[in-house]
Amino acid sequence: MKDRELLIGVTGGIAAFKTAALVSRLVQAGAGVTVVMTHSATKLVGPKTFEALTGRPVGLRTFGRGAHPHIELAHAAQLLCVAPATANILAKAAAGLADDLLSTVLLSFDGPTIFAPAMNTQMWQKPAVQRNIAQLKADGAILVGPDEGYLSCGMTGAGRMAEPDRIFQAIAAALA
């Protein structure tokens, strides 16, 4: 992990709070970590949390710093991990849609890409979500989870984001 440059995408799933633990562990392992958040993610975890953990500004806007922030971020990183990966970002990535900073970074990035899905069990089981997962796998994406367990909606089943340690291990394996 030492001296590796990583991009972590954070979307608007309640599991976003767990991503802070992942980012902290990556930084402690010596990785340079830049976080890109969707607007919805900022409603769950503040960008200042990730800025404090990484010592870097958080990417929030498509038309932010630099002439082409999505390209600059994509070219600087060796791996991109989206955790949590909501049904929305999975659909965008599978279809090649780009309407925010994270989805444009996904289209610009050409290295290993990991998704850690997190959503309600009924959403996870929808044929549309499963088609998107199949497309992402066919495109070479790595999926970690989801796990089964208690979900924030009160249901129990598949849809829980993998634990930060499991995602960390998948990142380490993809970089090996």
C-alpha atoms as a PDB file:
ATOM      1  CA  MET A   1       0.000   0.000   0.000  1.00  0.00           C
ATOM      2  CA  LYS A   2       2.945   2.280   0.658  1.00  0.00           C
ATOM      3  CA  ASP A   3       3.258   5.107  -1.873  1.00  0.00           C
ATOM      4  CA  ARG A   4       0.219   3.944  -3.869  1.00  0.00           C
ATOM      5  CA  GLU A   5      -2.248   6.572  -5.082  1.00  0.00           C
ATOM      6  CA  LEU A   6      -5.868   5.609  -4.534  1.00  0.00           C
ATOM      7  CA  LEU A   7      -9.205   7.190  -5.352  1.00  0.00           C
ATOM      8  CA  ILE A   8     -12.129   6.403  -3.090  1.00  0.00           C
ATOM      9  CA  GLY A   9     -15.601   7.267  -4.353  1.00  0.00           C
ATOM     10  CA  VAL A  10     -18.266   7.745  -1.707  1.00  0.00           C
ATOM     11  CA  THR A  11     -21.943   7.692  -2.659  1.00  0.00           C
ATOM     12  CA  GLY A  12     -25.157   8.370  -0.785  1.00  0.00           C
ATOM     13  CA  GLY A  13     -25.650   5.105   1.045  1.00  0.00           C
ATOM     14  CA  ILE A  14     -25.941   5.009   4.827  1.00  0.00           C
ATOM     15  CA  ALA A  15     -22.843   2.781   4.831  1.00  0.00           C
ATOM     16  CA  ALA A  16     -20.764   5.857   3.910  1.00  0.00           C
ATOM     17  CA  PHE A  17     -19.797   6.160   7.571  1.00  0.00           C
ATOM     18  CA  LYS A  18     -17.917   2.847   7.242  1.00  0.00           C
ATOM     19  CA  THR A  19     -15.856   4.277   4.407  1.00  0.00           C
ATOM     20  CA  ALA A  20     -14.175   6.645   6.856  1.00  0.00           C
ATOM     21  CA  ALA A  21     -12.671   3.615   8.625  1.00  0.00           C
ATOM     22  CA  LEU A  22     -11.486   2.222   5.274  1.00  0.00           C
ATOM     23  CA  VAL A  23      -9.875   5.522   4.290  1.00  0.00           C
ATOM     24  CA  SER A  24      -8.160   5.798   7.677  1.00  0.00           C
ATOM     25  CA  ARG A  25      -6.711   2.303   7.341  1.00  0.00           C
ATOM     26  CA  LEU A  26      -5.471   2.985   3.796  1.00  0.00           C
ATOM     27  CA  VAL A  27      -3.734   6.182   4.913  1.00  0.00           C
ATOM     28  CA  GLN A  28      -2.178   4.418   7.908  1.00  0.00           C
ATOM     29  CA  ALA A  29      -0.855   1.769   5.505  1.00  0.00           C
ATOM     30  CA  GLY A  30       1.001   4.489   3.597  1.00  0.00           C
ATOM     31  CA  ALA A  31      -1.328   5.062   0.645  1.00  0.00           C
ATOM     32  CA  GLY A  32      -2.073   8.479  -0.744  1.00  0.00           C
ATOM     33  CA  VAL A  33      -5.865   8.685  -0.758  1.00  0.00           C
ATOM     34  CA  THR A  34      -8.102  11.168  -2.535  1.00  0.00           C
ATOM     35  CA  VAL A  35     -11.835  11.016  -1.899  1.00  0.00           C
ATOM     36  CA  VAL A  36     -14.532  11.971  -4.392  1.00  0.00           C
ATOM     37  CA  MET A  37     -18.045  12.330  -2.960  1.00  0.00           C
ATOM     38  CA  THR A  38     -21.436  12.580  -4.592  1.00  0.00           C
ATOM     39  CA  HIS A  39     -23.807  15.291  -3.436  1.00  0.00           C
ATOM     40  CA  SER A  40     -25.953  12.661  -1.691  1.00  0.00           C
ATOM     41  CA  ALA A  41     -22.925  11.307   0.185  1.00  0.00           C
ATOM     42  CA  THR A  42     -22.321  14.719   1.745  1.00  0.00           C
ATOM     43  CA  LYS A  43     -25.737  14.464   3.422  1.00  0.00           C
ATOM     44  CA  LEU A  44     -24.510  11.414   5.356  1.00  0.00           C
ATOM     45  CA  VAL A  45     -20.823  12.118   6.063  1.00  0.00           C
ATOM     46  CA  GLY A  46     -19.226  15.538   5.847  1.00  0.00           C
ATOM     47  CA  PRO A  47     -16.353  16.143   3.433  1.00  0.00           C
ATOM     48  CA  LYS A  48     -14.321  17.523   6.354  1.00  0.00           C
ATOM     49  CA  THR A  49     -14.198  13.997   7.809  1.00  0.00           C
ATOM     50  CA  PHE A  50     -12.380  12.719   4.733  1.00  0.00           C
ATOM     51  CA  GLU A  51     -10.222  15.843   4.438  1.00  0.00           C
ATOM     52  CA  ALA A  52      -9.056  15.302   8.015  1.00  0.00           C
ATOM     53  CA  LEU A  53      -8.306  11.622   7.395  1.00  0.00           C
ATOM     54  CA  THR A  54      -6.456  12.122   4.092  1.00  0.00           C
ATOM     55  CA  GLY A  55      -4.964  15.587   4.473  1.00  0.00           C
ATOM     56  CA  ARG A  56      -6.325  16.323   1.004  1.00  0.00           C
ATOM     57  CA  PRO A  57      -9.279  18.230  -0.390  1.00  0.00           C
ATOM     58  CA  VAL A  58     -12.340  16.162  -1.279  1.00  0.00           C
ATOM     59  CA  GLY A  59     -13.549  16.184  -4.875  1.00  0.00           C
ATOM     60  CA  LEU A  60     -17.143  17.370  -4.997  1.00  0.00           C
ATOM     61  CA  ARG A  61     -17.814  19.227  -8.231  1.00  0.00           C
ATOM     62  CA  THR A  62     -17.448  18.286 -11.864  1.00  0.00           C
ATOM     63  CA  PHE A  63     -16.205  21.759 -12.624  1.00  0.00           C
ATOM     64  CA  GLY A  64     -13.917  22.138  -9.633  1.00  0.00           C
ATOM     65  CA  ARG A  65     -10.183  22.739  -9.333  1.00  0.00           C
ATOM     66  CA  GLY A  66      -8.084  22.431 -12.439  1.00  0.00           C
ATOM     67  CA  ALA A  67      -9.100  22.464 -16.065  1.00  0.00           C
ATOM     68  CA  HIS A  68     -10.293  18.841 -16.131  1.00  0.00           C
ATOM     69  CA  PRO A  69     -10.672  17.550 -12.565  1.00  0.00           C
ATOM     70  CA  HIS A  70     -12.130  14.176 -13.594  1.00  0.00           C
ATOM     71  CA  ILE A  71      -9.206  13.456 -15.909  1.00  0.00           C
ATOM     72  CA  GLU A  72      -6.598  14.787 -13.492  1.00  0.00           C
ATOM     73  CA  LEU A  73      -7.967  12.642 -10.655  1.00  0.00           C
ATOM     74  CA  ALA A  74      -8.209   9.554 -12.871  1.00  0.00           C
ATOM     75  CA  HIS A  75      -4.652   9.905 -14.191  1.00  0.00           C
ATOM     76  CA  ALA A  76      -3.149  10.382 -10.737  1.00  0.00           C
ATOM     77  CA  ALA A  77      -4.607   7.186  -9.233  1.00  0.00           C
ATOM     78  CA  GLN A  78      -3.562   3.547  -9.486  1.00  0.00           C
ATOM     79  CA  LEU A  79      -6.892   2.160  -8.226  1.00  0.00           C
ATOM     80  CA  LEU A  80     -10.456   3.406  -7.834  1.00  0.00           C
ATOM     81  CA  CYS A  81     -12.795   1.995  -5.192  1.00  0.00           C
ATOM     82  CA  VAL A  82     -16.418   3.061  -4.769  1.00  0.00           C
ATOM     83  CA  ALA A  83     -17.707   2.360  -1.262  1.00  0.00           C
ATOM     84  CA  PRO A  84     -20.578   2.371  -0.728  1.00  0.00           C
ATOM     85  CA  ALA A  85     -21.676   1.713  -4.293  1.00  0.00           C
ATOM     86  CA  THR A  86     -25.373   2.495  -4.483  1.00  0.00           C
ATOM     87  CA  ALA A  87     -27.725   1.144  -7.133  1.00  0.00           C
ATOM     88  CA  ASN A  88     -27.524   4.584  -8.742  1.00  0.00           C
ATOM     89  CA  ILE A  89     -23.744   4.638  -9.247  1.00  0.00           C
ATOM     90  CA  LEU A  90     -23.742   0.997 -10.351  1.00  0.00           C
ATOM     91  CA  ALA A  91     -26.321   1.852 -13.030  1.00  0.00           C
ATOM     92  CA  LYS A  92     -24.374   4.909 -14.154  1.00  0.00           C
ATOM     93  CA  ALA A  93     -21.120   2.954 -14.360  1.00  0.00           C
ATOM     94  CA  ALA A  94     -22.719   0.034 -16.213  1.00  0.00           C
ATOM     95  CA  ALA A  95     -24.350   2.347 -18.761  1.00  0.00           C
ATOM     96  CA  GLY A  96     -21.416   4.741 -19.095  1.00  0.00           C
ATOM     97  CA  LEU A  97     -23.383   7.732 -17.834  1.00  0.00           C
ATOM     98  CA  ALA A  98     -21.483  10.708 -16.486  1.00  0.00           C
ATOM     99  CA  ASP A  99     -23.405  13.495 -14.777  1.00  0.00           C
ATOM    100  CA  ASP A 100     -21.306  14.220 -11.679  1.00  0.00           C
ATOM    101  CA  LEU A 101     -17.641  14.170 -10.694  1.00  0.00           C
ATOM    102  CA  LEU A 102     -17.582  10.551  -9.543  1.00  0.00           C
ATOM    103  CA  SER A 103     -19.309   9.151 -12.628  1.00  0.00           C
ATOM    104  CA  THR A 104     -17.015  11.169 -14.924  1.00  0.00           C
ATOM    105  CA  VAL A 105     -13.982   9.908 -13.001  1.00  0.00           C
ATOM    106  CA  LEU A 106     -15.267   6.340 -13.452  1.00  0.00           C
ATOM    107  CA  LEU A 107     -15.364   6.888 -17.224  1.00  0.00           C
ATOM    108  CA  SER A 108     -11.904   8.484 -17.247  1.00  0.00           C
ATOM    109  CA  PHE A 109     -10.164   5.882 -15.077  1.00  0.00           C
ATOM    110  CA  ASP A 110      -8.485   2.902 -16.734  1.00  0.00           C
ATOM    111  CA  GLY A 111      -7.014   0.988 -13.783  1.00  0.00           C
ATOM    112  CA  PRO A 112      -8.497  -1.563 -11.389  1.00  0.00           C
ATOM    113  CA  THR A 113     -11.971  -0.535 -10.222  1.00  0.00           C
ATOM    114  CA  ILE A 114     -13.619  -1.978  -7.133  1.00  0.00           C
ATOM    115  CA  PHE A 115     -17.261  -1.554  -6.170  1.00  0.00           C
ATOM    116  CA  ALA A 116     -18.581  -2.328  -2.673  1.00  0.00           C
ATOM    117  CA  PRO A 117     -22.368  -2.433  -3.200  1.00  0.00           C
ATOM    118  CA  ALA A 118     -24.710  -1.337  -0.433  1.00  0.00           C
ATOM    119  CA  MET A 119     -28.481  -1.119  -0.665  1.00  0.00           C
ATOM    120  CA  ASN A 120     -31.773  -2.529   0.533  1.00  0.00           C
ATOM    121  CA  THR A 121     -32.245  -6.277  -0.092  1.00  0.00           C
ATOM    122  CA  GLN A 122     -35.173  -5.705  -2.445  1.00  0.00           C
ATOM    123  CA  MET A 123     -33.113  -3.245  -4.477  1.00  0.00           C
ATOM    124  CA  TRP A 124     -30.162  -5.659  -4.618  1.00  0.00           C
ATOM    125  CA  GLN A 125     -32.412  -8.439  -5.928  1.00  0.00           C
ATOM    126  CA  LYS A 126     -33.947  -6.372  -8.751  1.00  0.00           C
ATOM    127  CA  PRO A 127     -33.177  -7.716 -12.235  1.00  0.00           C
ATOM    128  CA  ALA A 128     -31.977  -4.264 -13.328  1.00  0.00           C
ATOM    129  CA  VAL A 129     -29.379  -4.142 -10.536  1.00  0.00           C
ATOM    130  CA  GLN A 130     -28.246  -7.690 -11.295  1.00  0.00           C
ATOM    131  CA  ARG A 131     -27.904  -6.812 -15.006  1.00  0.00           C
ATOM    132  CA  ASN A 132     -25.769  -3.815 -14.050  1.00  0.00           C
ATOM    133  CA  ILE A 133     -23.596  -6.001 -11.806  1.00  0.00           C
ATOM    134  CA  ALA A 134     -23.153  -8.521 -14.622  1.00  0.00           C
ATOM    135  CA  GLN A 135     -22.172  -5.739 -17.023  1.00  0.00           C
ATOM    136  CA  LEU A 136     -19.650  -4.261 -14.594  1.00  0.00           C
ATOM    137  CA  LYS A 137     -18.077  -7.691 -14.038  1.00  0.00           C
ATOM    138  CA  ALA A 138     -17.927  -8.232 -17.811  1.00  0.00           C
ATOM    139  CA  ASP A 139     -16.190  -4.860 -18.068  1.00  0.00           C
ATOM    140  CA  GLY A 140     -13.548  -6.032 -15.571  1.00  0.00           C
ATOM    141  CA  ALA A 141     -14.775  -4.435 -12.353  1.00  0.00           C
ATOM    142  CA  ILE A 142     -14.138  -6.154  -9.044  1.00  0.00           C
ATOM    143  CA  LEU A 143     -17.073  -6.481  -6.655  1.00  0.00           C
ATOM    144  CA  VAL A 144     -16.710  -6.885  -2.911  1.00  0.00           C
ATOM    145  CA  GLY A 145     -19.975  -7.903  -1.298  1.00  0.00           C
ATOM    146  CA  PRO A 146     -22.601  -7.118  -0.507  1.00  0.00           C
ATOM    147  CA  ASP A 147     -22.819  -9.072   2.710  1.00  0.00           C
ATOM    148  CA  GLU A 148     -25.923 -10.357   4.403  1.00  0.00           C
ATOM    149  CA  GLY A 149     -27.047  -8.940   7.714  1.00  0.00           C
ATOM    150  CA  TYR A 150     -29.089  -6.287   9.395  1.00  0.00           C
ATOM    151  CA  LEU A 151     -29.715  -3.270   7.174  1.00  0.00           C
ATOM    152  CA  SER A 152     -30.475   0.284   8.254  1.00  0.00           C
ATOM    153  CA  CYS A 153     -34.011  -0.043   6.838  1.00  0.00           C
ATOM    154  CA  GLY A 154     -34.735  -2.712   9.453  1.00  0.00           C
ATOM    155  CA  MET A 155     -34.591  -5.645   7.042  1.00  0.00           C
ATOM    156  CA  THR A 156     -32.149  -8.521   7.234  1.00  0.00           C
ATOM    157  CA  GLY A 157     -30.639  -9.900   4.060  1.00  0.00           C
ATOM    158  CA  ALA A 158     -28.186  -9.219   1.256  1.00  0.00           C
ATOM    159  CA  GLY A 159     -27.264  -5.593   0.685  1.00  0.00           C
ATOM    160  CA  ARG A 160     -24.993  -4.703   3.581  1.00  0.00           C
ATOM    161  CA  MET A 161     -21.697  -3.121   2.495  1.00  0.00           C
ATOM    162  CA  ALA A 162     -18.689  -5.353   3.078  1.00  0.00           C
ATOM    163  CA  GLU A 163     -16.691  -4.492   6.157  1.00  0.00           C
ATOM    164  CA  PRO A 164     -13.801  -2.038   5.687  1.00  0.00           C
ATOM    165  CA  ASP A 165     -11.205  -4.766   6.371  1.00  0.00           C
ATOM    166  CA  ARG A 166     -12.575  -6.931   3.553  1.00  0.00           C
ATOM    167  CA  ILE A 167     -12.513  -3.979   1.134  1.00  0.00           C
ATOM    168  CA  PHE A 168      -8.964  -3.132   2.272  1.00  0.00           C
ATOM    169  CA  GLN A 169      -7.903  -6.707   1.485  1.00  0.00           C
ATOM    170  CA  ALA A 170      -9.505  -6.519  -1.983  1.00  0.00           C
ATOM    171  CA  ILE A 171      -7.637  -3.263  -2.664  1.00  0.00           C
ATOM    172  CA  ALA A 172      -4.344  -4.816  -1.531  1.00  0.00           C
ATOM    173  CA  ALA A 173      -4.951  -7.872  -3.738  1.00  0.00           C
ATOM    174  CA  ALA A 174      -5.798  -5.738  -6.780  1.00  0.00           C
ATOM    175  CA  LEU A 175      -2.570  -3.771  -6.329  1.00  0.00           C
ATOM    176  CA  ALA A 176      -0.387  -6.854  -5.825  1.00  0.00           C
END
